[in-house]
Amino acid sequence: MKKSIETKLALYPTPVTIVGTMNGDKPTWTLVAHIGIIGHDRILVSLAEPHYINHLIRENGKLSVSLVTEEMLPAVDKAGSVTGAKEDKSRLFEYELGENGTPIIKAANLTPECSVDDIYKTPNFESFICTIDNTYVEESCLNDKGKPDYTAVKPVLFEFPNYQYLRTGDVIGKCLSFKNK
């Protein structure tokens, strides 16, 4: 028997990401777990409207979205617990600039660099609809076909109802391999 939990958002877990953009000549970062895929070349990054980084993303028109690993969690928690309006977060991560000038975290195994195409506003949130311009992947996290190997990327997941991080698991089978079982 299923029980209704009313209108609670429960489509979790989602990948934990660090969004970065430039604040003048320094990067700034924030923790984001409200992200989504809206096409093969577009993603959505949803941020609460009062976030300091939002105006910088609007001004720059570009951002990076780094998948988080367990080793990054101390800096990730810091990025998500302080505002860039009051604290300089530029030194939380070592970085280099991507081809389009967004900060790319060196410790992140996978980072898309994106341009903002549109902004969709809902009450208290701004959702940035972004085109993927480049995707940077640590070479040791690519399979023999040059595609990301997520068992090596090891992204951390976020689960909102219980407000916790989850470790990614094992491969349980190839897509479409269960259809005849």
Foldseek 3Di string as FASTA:
>chain_A
DDDDPDPDDFPDWAFWKWKWFDDVPFIAIEIFRPKADDDPFKIKTKDFVVAPCVVVCVVLQKIKIFFDAPVLVVLRVVRHPDGCVVDPSRPSADFDADPSGITDGPPGQKMFIWGFDDWDDDVRMIMTMTGGPDMDGDPVQADPVRHGNCVVNFGWIAGPVVGDIDTDDDDPDDPPPPPVD
